[in-house]
Amino acid sequence: MSLAKNAKNAKNYFIKSFFSLRSLRALRDILLPIFISRKERKELFYKKLFFFALSAYFARHFTAYFR
């Protein structure tokens, strides 16, 4: 019982830390380039959004093995 609870807590901690770190990096990369052109900013935004979604998908797929 205790081992299962510890594994569940570790899984939740991994998910929370992974997503918070990823979202902070994505937000930093999206919000930092203020002085570049609108087209470049849009391309950067969509690139970061795509990789954020891709990493979220793989993280969910990876954690599905621990359920």
C-alpha atoms as a PDB file:
ATOM      1  CA  MET A   1       0.000   0.000   0.000  1.00  0.00           C
ATOM      2  CA  SER A   2       2.736   2.409   0.999  1.00  0.00           C
ATOM      3  CA  LEU A   3       4.844   1.485  -2.012  1.00  0.00           C
ATOM      4  CA  ALA A   4       1.934   2.134  -4.388  1.00  0.00           C
ATOM      5  CA  LYS A   5       1.260   5.476  -2.698  1.00  0.00           C
ATOM      6  CA  ASN A   6       4.928   6.478  -3.008  1.00  0.00           C
ATOM      7  CA  ALA A   7       4.939   5.509  -6.686  1.00  0.00           C
ATOM      8  CA  LYS A   8       1.795   7.549  -7.287  1.00  0.00           C
ATOM      9  CA  ASN A   9       3.295  10.568  -5.501  1.00  0.00           C
ATOM     10  CA  ALA A  10       6.501  10.237  -7.521  1.00  0.00           C
ATOM     11  CA  LYS A  11       4.498  10.055 -10.753  1.00  0.00           C
ATOM     12  CA  ASN A  12       2.487  13.153  -9.807  1.00  0.00           C
ATOM     13  CA  TYR A  13       5.649  15.024  -8.850  1.00  0.00           C
ATOM     14  CA  PHE A  14       7.293  14.080 -12.150  1.00  0.00           C
ATOM     15  CA  ILE A  15       4.285  15.271 -14.155  1.00  0.00           C
ATOM     16  CA  LYS A  16       3.973  18.546 -12.222  1.00  0.00           C
ATOM     17  CA  SER A  17       7.676  19.374 -12.350  1.00  0.00           C
ATOM     18  CA  PHE A  18       7.947  18.433 -16.032  1.00  0.00           C
ATOM     19  CA  PHE A  19       4.973  20.540 -17.068  1.00  0.00           C
ATOM     20  CA  SER A  20       5.887  23.517 -14.892  1.00  0.00           C
ATOM     21  CA  LEU A  21       9.445  23.533 -16.236  1.00  0.00           C
ATOM     22  CA  ARG A  22       8.270  23.145 -19.825  1.00  0.00           C
ATOM     23  CA  SER A  23       5.614  25.828 -19.509  1.00  0.00           C
ATOM     24  CA  LEU A  24       8.084  28.251 -17.907  1.00  0.00           C
ATOM     25  CA  ARG A  25      10.577  27.681 -20.707  1.00  0.00           C
ATOM     26  CA  ALA A  26       7.892  28.051 -23.358  1.00  0.00           C
ATOM     27  CA  LEU A  27       6.577  31.240 -21.752  1.00  0.00           C
ATOM     28  CA  ARG A  28      10.081  32.650 -21.497  1.00  0.00           C
ATOM     29  CA  ASP A  29      10.798  31.880 -25.138  1.00  0.00           C
ATOM     30  CA  ILE A  30       7.471  33.324 -26.265  1.00  0.00           C
ATOM     31  CA  LEU A  31       7.531  36.496 -24.165  1.00  0.00           C
ATOM     32  CA  LEU A  32      11.222  37.419 -24.395  1.00  0.00           C
ATOM     33  CA  PRO A  33      11.581  38.416 -28.072  1.00  0.00           C
ATOM     34  CA  ILE A  34       9.687  41.709 -27.966  1.00  0.00           C
ATOM     35  CA  PHE A  35      11.916  43.613 -30.361  1.00  0.00           C
ATOM     36  CA  ILE A  36      11.749  41.277 -33.349  1.00  0.00           C
ATOM     37  CA  SER A  37       9.309  41.642 -36.223  1.00  0.00           C
ATOM     38  CA  ARG A  38       5.724  40.457 -35.995  1.00  0.00           C
ATOM     39  CA  LYS A  39       6.230  37.698 -38.598  1.00  0.00           C
ATOM     40  CA  GLU A  40       9.264  36.268 -36.788  1.00  0.00           C
ATOM     41  CA  ARG A  41       7.415  36.459 -33.486  1.00  0.00           C
ATOM     42  CA  LYS A  42       4.463  34.577 -34.967  1.00  0.00           C
ATOM     43  CA  GLU A  43       6.715  31.850 -36.397  1.00  0.00           C
ATOM     44  CA  LEU A  44       8.526  31.504 -33.070  1.00  0.00           C
ATOM     45  CA  PHE A  45       5.214  31.310 -31.221  1.00  0.00           C
ATOM     46  CA  TYR A  46       3.868  28.533 -33.435  1.00  0.00           C
ATOM     47  CA  LYS A  47       7.157  26.627 -33.295  1.00  0.00           C
ATOM     48  CA  LYS A  48       7.199  26.736 -29.494  1.00  0.00           C
ATOM     49  CA  LEU A  49       3.523  25.833 -29.328  1.00  0.00           C
ATOM     50  CA  PHE A  50       4.106  22.807 -31.566  1.00  0.00           C
ATOM     51  CA  PHE A  51       7.055  21.523 -29.524  1.00  0.00           C
ATOM     52  CA  PHE A  52       5.205  22.158 -26.263  1.00  0.00           C
ATOM     53  CA  ALA A  53       2.237  20.103 -27.495  1.00  0.00           C
ATOM     54  CA  LEU A  54       4.554  17.372 -28.773  1.00  0.00           C
ATOM     55  CA  SER A  55       6.420  17.140 -25.463  1.00  0.00           C
ATOM     56  CA  ALA A  56       3.119  17.085 -23.547  1.00  0.00           C
ATOM     57  CA  TYR A  57       1.903  14.210 -25.731  1.00  0.00           C
ATOM     58  CA  PHE A  58       5.068  12.187 -25.175  1.00  0.00           C
ATOM     59  CA  ALA A  59       5.040  12.890 -21.434  1.00  0.00           C
ATOM     60  CA  ARG A  60       1.472  11.641 -21.236  1.00  0.00           C
ATOM     61  CA  HIS A  61       2.337   8.588 -23.317  1.00  0.00           C
ATOM     62  CA  PHE A  62       5.364   7.914 -21.104  1.00  0.00           C
ATOM     63  CA  THR A  63       3.435   8.228 -17.835  1.00  0.00           C
ATOM     64  CA  ALA A  64       0.663   5.931 -19.119  1.00  0.00           C
ATOM     65  CA  TYR A  65       2.957   2.972 -18.389  1.00  0.00           C
ATOM     66  CA  PHE A  66       2.923   3.787 -14.658  1.00  0.00           C
ATOM     67  CA  ARG A  67      -0.861   3.766 -14.217  1.00  0.00           C
END
